[in-house]
C-alpha atoms as a PDB file:
ATOM      1  CA  MET A   1      15.943  -6.938  33.855  1.00  0.00           C
ATOM      2  CA  ASP A   2      12.695  -8.167  35.344  1.00  0.00           C
ATOM      3  CA  ASP A   3      11.007  -4.906  34.423  1.00  0.00           C
ATOM      4  CA  GLY A   4      12.248  -5.226  30.876  1.00  0.00           C
ATOM      5  CA  ASN A   5      10.957  -8.762  30.648  1.00  0.00           C
ATOM      6  CA  GLY A   6       7.583  -7.740  32.041  1.00  0.00           C
ATOM      7  CA  LEU A   7       7.268  -4.893  29.562  1.00  0.00           C
ATOM      8  CA  ARG A   8       8.094  -7.208  26.644  1.00  0.00           C
ATOM      9  CA  MET A   9       5.474  -9.670  27.873  1.00  0.00           C
ATOM     10  CA  GLN A  10       2.870  -6.878  28.131  1.00  0.00           C
ATOM     11  CA  LEU A  11       3.676  -5.637  24.632  1.00  0.00           C
ATOM     12  CA  ALA A  12       3.463  -9.159  23.248  1.00  0.00           C
ATOM     13  CA  GLU A  13       0.113  -9.619  24.933  1.00  0.00           C
ATOM     14  CA  MET A  14      -1.166  -6.295  23.523  1.00  0.00           C
ATOM     15  CA  ARG A  15      -0.070  -7.276  20.016  1.00  0.00           C
ATOM     16  CA  HIS A  16      -1.697 -10.689  20.388  1.00  0.00           C
ATOM     17  CA  ARG A  17      -4.980  -9.078  21.421  1.00  0.00           C
ATOM     18  CA  THR A  18      -4.780  -6.540  18.643  1.00  0.00           C
ATOM     19  CA  THR A  19      -4.218  -9.413  16.081  1.00  0.00           C
ATOM     20  CA  ASN A  20      -7.280 -11.149  17.469  1.00  0.00           C
ATOM     21  CA  ILE A  21      -9.370  -7.965  17.203  1.00  0.00           C
ATOM     22  CA  LEU A  22      -8.293  -7.435  13.616  1.00  0.00           C
ATOM     23  CA  ALA A  23      -9.092 -11.064  12.811  1.00  0.00           C
ATOM     24  CA  SER A  24     -12.543 -10.629  14.280  1.00  0.00           C
ATOM     25  CA  LEU A  25     -13.147  -7.415  12.309  1.00  0.00           C
ATOM     26  CA  ALA A  26     -12.043  -9.202   9.106  1.00  0.00           C
ATOM     27  CA  ALA A  27     -14.444 -12.123   9.788  1.00  0.00           C
ATOM     28  CA  LEU A  28     -17.308  -9.704  10.524  1.00  0.00           C
ATOM     29  CA  THR A  29     -16.638  -7.622   7.412  1.00  0.00           C
ATOM     30  CA  ARG A  30     -16.389 -10.734   5.257  1.00  0.00           C
ATOM     31  CA  SER A  31     -19.693 -11.953   6.627  1.00  0.00           C
ATOM     32  CA  GLN A  32     -21.381  -8.563   6.027  1.00  0.00           C
ATOM     33  CA  ALA A  33     -20.039  -8.500   2.455  1.00  0.00           C
ATOM     34  CA  ARG A  34     -21.598 -11.908   1.749  1.00  0.00           C
ATOM     35  CA  GLN A  35     -24.915 -10.704   3.117  1.00  0.00           C
ATOM     36  CA  ALA A  36     -24.921  -7.311   1.399  1.00  0.00           C
ATOM     37  CA  ASN A  37     -27.958  -6.678  -0.813  1.00  0.00           C
ATOM     38  CA  THR A  38     -26.221  -4.471  -3.454  1.00  0.00           C
ATOM     39  CA  GLU A  39     -23.121  -4.755  -5.498  1.00  0.00           C
ATOM     40  CA  GLU A  40     -22.012  -1.318  -4.355  1.00  0.00           C
ATOM     41  CA  ALA A  41     -22.243  -2.391  -0.675  1.00  0.00           C
ATOM     42  CA  ARG A  42     -20.276  -5.567  -1.437  1.00  0.00           C
ATOM     43  CA  GLU A  43     -17.574  -3.590  -3.179  1.00  0.00           C
ATOM     44  CA  ARG A  44     -17.285  -1.102  -0.371  1.00  0.00           C
ATOM     45  CA  LEU A  45     -17.068  -3.844   2.263  1.00  0.00           C
ATOM     46  CA  SER A  46     -14.500  -5.717   0.163  1.00  0.00           C
ATOM     47  CA  TRP A  47     -12.321  -2.582   0.182  1.00  0.00           C
ATOM     48  CA  VAL A  48     -12.703  -2.337   3.978  1.00  0.00           C
ATOM     49  CA  LEU A  49     -11.686  -5.937   4.264  1.00  0.00           C
ATOM     50  CA  ASP A  50      -8.583  -5.281   2.122  1.00  0.00           C
ATOM     51  CA  CYS A  51      -7.649  -2.470   4.486  1.00  0.00           C
ATOM     52  CA  ILE A  52      -8.118  -4.675   7.582  1.00  0.00           C
ATOM     53  CA  LEU A  53      -6.021  -7.468   6.058  1.00  0.00           C
ATOM     54  CA  THR A  54      -3.302  -4.960   5.121  1.00  0.00           C
ATOM     55  CA  ALA A  55      -3.324  -3.624   8.691  1.00  0.00           C
ATOM     56  CA  THR A  56      -3.095  -7.168  10.072  1.00  0.00           C
ATOM     57  CA  GLN A  57      -0.100  -8.057   7.903  1.00  0.00           C
ATOM     58  CA  LEU A  58       1.638  -4.786   8.715  1.00  0.00           C
ATOM     59  CA  HIS A  59       0.923  -5.228  12.449  1.00  0.00           C
ATOM     60  CA  ARG A  60       2.561  -8.637  12.383  1.00  0.00           C
ATOM     61  CA  ALA A  61       5.544  -7.255  10.524  1.00  0.00           C
ATOM     62  CA  VAL A  62       6.004  -4.422  12.991  1.00  0.00           C
ATOM     63  CA  GLY A  63       5.734  -6.946  15.876  1.00  0.00           C
ATOM     64  CA  VAL A  64       8.709  -8.953  14.728  1.00  0.00           C
ATOM     65  CA  THR A  65      11.040  -6.183  13.633  1.00  0.00           C
ATOM     66  CA  THR A  66      12.595  -3.061  15.063  1.00  0.00           C
ATOM     67  CA  GLY A  67      10.996  -0.346  12.919  1.00  0.00           C
ATOM     68  CA  ASP A  68      11.314  -2.142   9.569  1.00  0.00           C
ATOM     69  CA  GLY A  69       7.713  -3.297   9.466  1.00  0.00           C
ATOM     70  CA  LEU A  70       6.863  -1.572   6.212  1.00  0.00           C
ATOM     71  CA  SER A  71       9.853  -3.087   4.438  1.00  0.00           C
ATOM     72  CA  LEU A  72       9.062  -6.563   5.686  1.00  0.00           C
ATOM     73  CA  HIS A  73       5.388  -6.097   4.774  1.00  0.00           C
ATOM     74  CA  LEU A  74       6.281  -5.061   1.237  1.00  0.00           C
ATOM     75  CA  ARG A  75       8.594  -8.028   0.778  1.00  0.00           C
ATOM     76  CA  GLU A  76       6.039 -10.482   2.077  1.00  0.00           C
ATOM     77  CA  VAL A  77       3.033  -9.223   0.174  1.00  0.00           C
ATOM     78  CA  GLY A  78       5.266  -8.788  -2.847  1.00  0.00           C
ATOM     79  CA  GLN A  79       5.032 -12.543  -3.248  1.00  0.00           C
ATOM     80  CA  LEU A  80       1.247 -12.212  -3.570  1.00  0.00           C
ATOM     81  CA  TRP A  81       1.512  -9.345  -6.046  1.00  0.00           C
ATOM     82  CA  ALA A  82       4.004 -11.358  -8.051  1.00  0.00           C
ATOM     83  CA  ARG A  83       1.527 -14.209  -8.345  1.00  0.00           C
ATOM     84  CA  LEU A  84      -1.300 -11.824  -9.343  1.00  0.00           C
ATOM     85  CA  GLY A  85       0.954 -10.184 -11.902  1.00  0.00           C
ATOM     86  CA  ALA A  86       2.042 -13.509 -13.312  1.00  0.00           C
ATOM     87  CA  GLU A  87      -1.656 -14.245 -14.138  1.00  0.00           C
ATOM     88  CA  ARG A  88      -1.533 -11.182 -16.432  1.00  0.00           C
ATOM     89  CA  ASN A  89       2.048 -11.826 -17.687  1.00  0.00           C
ATOM     90  CA  VAL A  90       3.337  -8.910 -15.647  1.00  0.00           C
ATOM     91  CA  GLN A  91       6.333  -9.101 -13.287  1.00  0.00           C
ATOM     92  CA  VAL A  92       6.203  -7.334  -9.928  1.00  0.00           C
ATOM     93  CA  GLN A  93       9.487  -6.552  -8.282  1.00  0.00           C
ATOM     94  CA  ILE A  94       9.981  -5.105  -4.769  1.00  0.00           C
ATOM     95  CA  ASP A  95      13.234  -3.340  -3.733  1.00  0.00           C
ATOM     96  CA  THR A  96      13.562  -2.197  -0.081  1.00  0.00           C
ATOM     97  CA  ASP A  97      17.363  -2.116   0.205  1.00  0.00           C
ATOM     98  CA  GLY A  98      18.453   0.785   2.317  1.00  0.00           C
ATOM     99  CA  ALA A  99      14.877   1.598   3.363  1.00  0.00           C
ATOM    100  CA  PRO A 100      14.506   3.760   6.483  1.00  0.00           C
ATOM    101  CA  GLN A 101      12.475   2.921   9.547  1.00  0.00           C
ATOM    102  CA  VAL A 102       8.998   4.464   9.394  1.00  0.00           C
ATOM    103  CA  GLU A 103       6.508   5.499  12.144  1.00  0.00           C
ATOM    104  CA  ASP A 104       3.655   2.979  12.305  1.00  0.00           C
ATOM    105  CA  GLY A 105       0.878   5.346  11.249  1.00  0.00           C
ATOM    106  CA  ALA A 106       2.710   6.499   8.154  1.00  0.00           C
ATOM    107  CA  ALA A 107       3.630   2.893   7.375  1.00  0.00           C
ATOM    108  CA  MET A 108      -0.018   1.926   7.292  1.00  0.00           C
ATOM    109  CA  MET A 109      -0.880   4.702   4.790  1.00  0.00           C
ATOM    110  CA  LEU A 110       2.075   3.843   2.589  1.00  0.00           C
ATOM    111  CA  ALA A 111       1.254   0.146   2.626  1.00  0.00           C
ATOM    112  CA  LEU A 112      -2.275   0.922   1.415  1.00  0.00           C
ATOM    113  CA  LEU A 113      -0.855   3.356  -1.155  1.00  0.00           C
ATOM    114  CA  VAL A 114       1.453   0.704  -2.655  1.00  0.00           C
ATOM    115  CA  GLN A 115      -1.403  -1.759  -2.830  1.00  0.00           C
ATOM    116  CA  GLU A 116      -3.521   0.839  -4.633  1.00  0.00           C
ATOM    117  CA  ALA A 117      -0.769   1.835  -7.068  1.00  0.00           C
ATOM    118  CA  ILE A 118      -0.002  -1.769  -8.057  1.00  0.00           C
ATOM    119  CA  THR A 119      -3.709  -2.499  -8.468  1.00  0.00           C
ATOM    120  CA  ASN A 120      -4.065   0.531 -10.723  1.00  0.00           C
ATOM    121  CA  SER A 121      -1.090  -0.512 -12.862  1.00  0.00           C
ATOM    122  CA  LEU A 122      -2.346  -4.102 -13.217  1.00  0.00           C
ATOM    123  CA  ALA A 123      -5.842  -2.784 -14.122  1.00  0.00           C
ATOM    124  CA  HIS A 124      -4.951   0.034 -16.491  1.00  0.00           C
ATOM    125  CA  ALA A 125      -1.333  -0.054 -17.678  1.00  0.00           C
ATOM    126  CA  TYR A 126      -1.659  -3.221 -19.759  1.00  0.00           C
ATOM    127  CA  PRO A 127      -5.061  -3.189 -21.527  1.00  0.00           C
ATOM    128  CA  ASP A 128      -3.937  -5.862 -23.938  1.00  0.00           C
ATOM    129  CA  GLY A 129      -2.140  -7.895 -21.309  1.00  0.00           C
ATOM    130  CA  GLY A 130       1.594  -8.304 -20.733  1.00  0.00           C
ATOM    131  CA  PRO A 131       4.426  -8.802 -20.940  1.00  0.00           C
ATOM    132  CA  GLY A 132       5.115  -6.002 -18.457  1.00  0.00           C
ATOM    133  CA  LEU A 133       7.118  -5.004 -15.400  1.00  0.00           C
ATOM    134  CA  ILE A 134       6.023  -3.166 -12.220  1.00  0.00           C
ATOM    135  CA  GLN A 135       8.833  -2.056  -9.919  1.00  0.00           C
ATOM    136  CA  VAL A 136       8.359  -0.842  -6.325  1.00  0.00           C
ATOM    137  CA  ARG A 137      11.302   0.997  -4.739  1.00  0.00           C
ATOM    138  CA  PHE A 138      11.309   2.122  -1.105  1.00  0.00           C
ATOM    139  CA  GLY A 139      14.312   4.032   0.150  1.00  0.00           C
ATOM    140  CA  ARG A 140      15.785   7.454   0.921  1.00  0.00           C
ATOM    141  CA  ASP A 141      17.108  10.223  -1.371  1.00  0.00           C
ATOM    142  CA  GLY A 142      20.256  12.325  -0.884  1.00  0.00           C
ATOM    143  CA  ASP A 143      18.433  14.791   1.365  1.00  0.00           C
ATOM    144  CA  GLY A 144      17.286  12.051   3.728  1.00  0.00           C
ATOM    145  CA  ARG A 145      13.635  12.125   2.624  1.00  0.00           C
ATOM    146  CA  LEU A 146      11.717   8.906   2.351  1.00  0.00           C
ATOM    147  CA  VAL A 147      11.014   8.130  -1.306  1.00  0.00           C
ATOM    148  CA  LEU A 148       8.571   5.500  -2.543  1.00  0.00           C
ATOM    149  CA  THR A 149       8.159   4.831  -6.229  1.00  0.00           C
ATOM    150  CA  VAL A 150       5.905   2.515  -8.200  1.00  0.00           C
ATOM    151  CA  ARG A 151       6.971   2.304 -11.826  1.00  0.00           C
ATOM    152  CA  ASP A 152       5.351   0.410 -14.674  1.00  0.00           C
ATOM    153  CA  ASP A 153       6.218   0.080 -18.391  1.00  0.00           C
ATOM    154  CA  GLY A 154       2.650   0.160 -19.593  1.00  0.00           C
ATOM    155  CA  VAL A 155       0.643   2.526 -21.858  1.00  0.00           C
ATOM    156  CA  GLY A 156       1.211   5.593 -19.672  1.00  0.00           C
ATOM    157  CA  LEU A 157      -1.174   8.202 -18.440  1.00  0.00           C
ATOM    158  CA  PRO A 158      -3.624  10.037 -20.751  1.00  0.00           C
ATOM    159  CA  ASP A 159      -2.569  13.645 -21.404  1.00  0.00           C
ATOM    160  CA  ASP A 160      -5.430  14.984 -19.261  1.00  0.00           C
ATOM    161  CA  GLU A 161      -4.205  13.037 -16.209  1.00  0.00           C
ATOM    162  CA  SER A 162      -0.769  14.593 -15.992  1.00  0.00           C
ATOM    163  CA  ALA A 163      -1.852  17.167 -13.393  1.00  0.00           C
ATOM    164  CA  GLU A 164      -2.203  16.501  -9.706  1.00  0.00           C
ATOM    165  CA  PRO A 165      -5.542  14.835  -8.986  1.00  0.00           C
ATOM    166  CA  PRO A 166      -8.155  16.613  -6.885  1.00  0.00           C
ATOM    167  CA  GLN A 167      -8.975  15.619  -3.321  1.00  0.00           C
ATOM    168  CA  LEU A 168     -11.850  13.178  -3.321  1.00  0.00           C
ATOM    169  CA  ASP A 169     -14.366  11.677  -0.964  1.00  0.00           C
ATOM    170  CA  TRP A 170     -13.630   8.061  -0.167  1.00  0.00           C
ATOM    171  CA  VAL A 171     -14.901   5.614  -2.751  1.00  0.00           C
ATOM    172  CA  ALA A 172     -14.384   1.893  -3.141  1.00  0.00           C
ATOM    173  CA  PRO A 173     -11.662   0.961  -5.659  1.00  0.00           C
ATOM    174  CA  THR A 174     -13.930  -0.986  -8.012  1.00  0.00           C
ATOM    175  CA  LEU A 175     -16.466   1.951  -8.098  1.00  0.00           C
ATOM    176  CA  ARG A 176     -14.050   4.566  -9.288  1.00  0.00           C
ATOM    177  CA  ASP A 177     -12.309   5.370 -12.564  1.00  0.00           C
ATOM    178  CA  HIS A 178      -8.553   5.518 -13.091  1.00  0.00           C
ATOM    179  CA  GLY A 179      -8.421   9.248 -12.254  1.00  0.00           C
ATOM    180  CA  ASN A 180     -10.198   8.791  -8.955  1.00  0.00           C
ATOM    181  CA  GLY A 181      -7.840   5.954  -8.080  1.00  0.00           C
ATOM    182  CA  ARG A 182      -5.038   8.496  -8.418  1.00  0.00           C
ATOM    183  CA  ALA A 183      -6.872  10.861  -6.105  1.00  0.00           C
ATOM    184  CA  LEU A 184      -6.996   8.108  -3.447  1.00  0.00           C
ATOM    185  CA  ILE A 185      -3.220   7.606  -3.797  1.00  0.00           C
ATOM    186  CA  ALA A 186      -2.718  11.365  -3.388  1.00  0.00           C
ATOM    187  CA  ASP A 187      -4.867  11.315  -0.271  1.00  0.00           C
ATOM    188  CA  LEU A 188      -3.010   8.425   1.251  1.00  0.00           C
ATOM    189  CA  ALA A 189       0.277  10.202   0.609  1.00  0.00           C
ATOM    190  CA  ARG A 190      -1.050  13.294   2.398  1.00  0.00           C
ATOM    191  CA  TYR A 191      -2.162  11.184   5.360  1.00  0.00           C
ATOM    192  CA  ALA A 192       1.413   9.800   5.537  1.00  0.00           C
ATOM    193  CA  GLY A 193       2.710  13.392   5.685  1.00  0.00           C
ATOM    194  CA  GLY A 194       3.992  13.428   2.114  1.00  0.00           C
ATOM    195  CA  LYS A 195       3.008  14.183  -1.461  1.00  0.00           C
ATOM    196  CA  ALA A 196       2.444  11.973  -4.472  1.00  0.00           C
ATOM    197  CA  SER A 197       3.323  12.935  -8.056  1.00  0.00           C
ATOM    198  CA  TRP A 198       2.971  11.205 -11.437  1.00  0.00           C
ATOM    199  CA  HIS A 199       5.515  11.293 -14.186  1.00  0.00           C
ATOM    200  CA  ALA A 200       5.833   9.736 -17.664  1.00  0.00           C
ATOM    201  CA  ASP A 201       8.800   7.363 -17.844  1.00  0.00           C
ATOM    202  CA  PRO A 202      11.102   8.305 -20.785  1.00  0.00           C
ATOM    203  CA  LEU A 203      11.265   4.627 -21.652  1.00  0.00           C
ATOM    204  CA  GLY A 204       7.449   4.319 -21.557  1.00  0.00           C
ATOM    205  CA  GLY A 205       4.961   3.822 -18.758  1.00  0.00           C
ATOM    206  CA  THR A 206       4.201   5.719 -15.609  1.00  0.00           C
ATOM    207  CA  VAL A 207       6.053   6.488 -12.405  1.00  0.00           C
ATOM    208  CA  VAL A 208       4.211   7.256  -9.141  1.00  0.00           C
ATOM    209  CA  ARG A 209       6.585   8.951  -6.711  1.00  0.00           C
ATOM    210  CA  VAL A 210       5.812   9.707  -3.058  1.00  0.00           C
ATOM    211  CA  ASP A 211       8.149  11.977  -1.073  1.00  0.00           C
ATOM    212  CA  VAL A 212       7.773  12.061   2.720  1.00  0.00           C
ATOM    213  CA  PRO A 213       9.909  14.052   5.165  1.00  0.00           C
ATOM    214  CA  TYR A 214      11.682  11.353   7.119  1.00  0.00           C
ATOM    215  CA  VAL A 215       9.848  10.379  10.329  1.00  0.00           C
ATOM    216  CA  GLY A 216      11.475   7.539  12.184  1.00  0.00           C
ATOM    217  CA  ARG A 217       9.531   5.032  14.211  1.00  0.00           C
ATOM    218  CA  GLN A 218       8.978   6.130  17.793  1.00  0.00           C
ATOM    219  CA  CYS A 219      10.046   3.579  20.422  1.00  0.00           C
END
């Protein structure tokens, strides 16, 4: 029992230190962004800051759950996405019922992927504004694979964007076009061990689907 308590205390201390390190990195990145001399540098640093803040939120979620960190993260940041969507008259709904546990590294990639997919939908799916609806679903299919979908009811993809996007060097979100944003999503899916695909919704809009062979969180 004492050994168990000692281990839990050590893990708590490690998580506390990691949170502090991430907070320091965020502060440093924010400071560097303010001091950047070019717009491109500011945009790249802003993207790095978004990644650090996402990692911080996910780290906290993992620390208070037993493998359900990604689900908790999506539900919590879903409140922020809902507020951002409301400014554009677009609803954002998050459904994590029945979601599996996910290894921490894959969870980080998928958290960034969802953020990117929602950002793309808000930026491109409703050029004339809402009303609209973006739905995020995180669960498992009949074969046990992890399935993550982001669906919008916007204008849909242009015909020339129906194919799988090419692999792409990293670029800041605000510096790339819609097609390159899709390439980043495809890369993040690959880093998580899965594959992203894009489909036209029969009712209108676009569906981003990510299939990942199930990898449970290692204890």
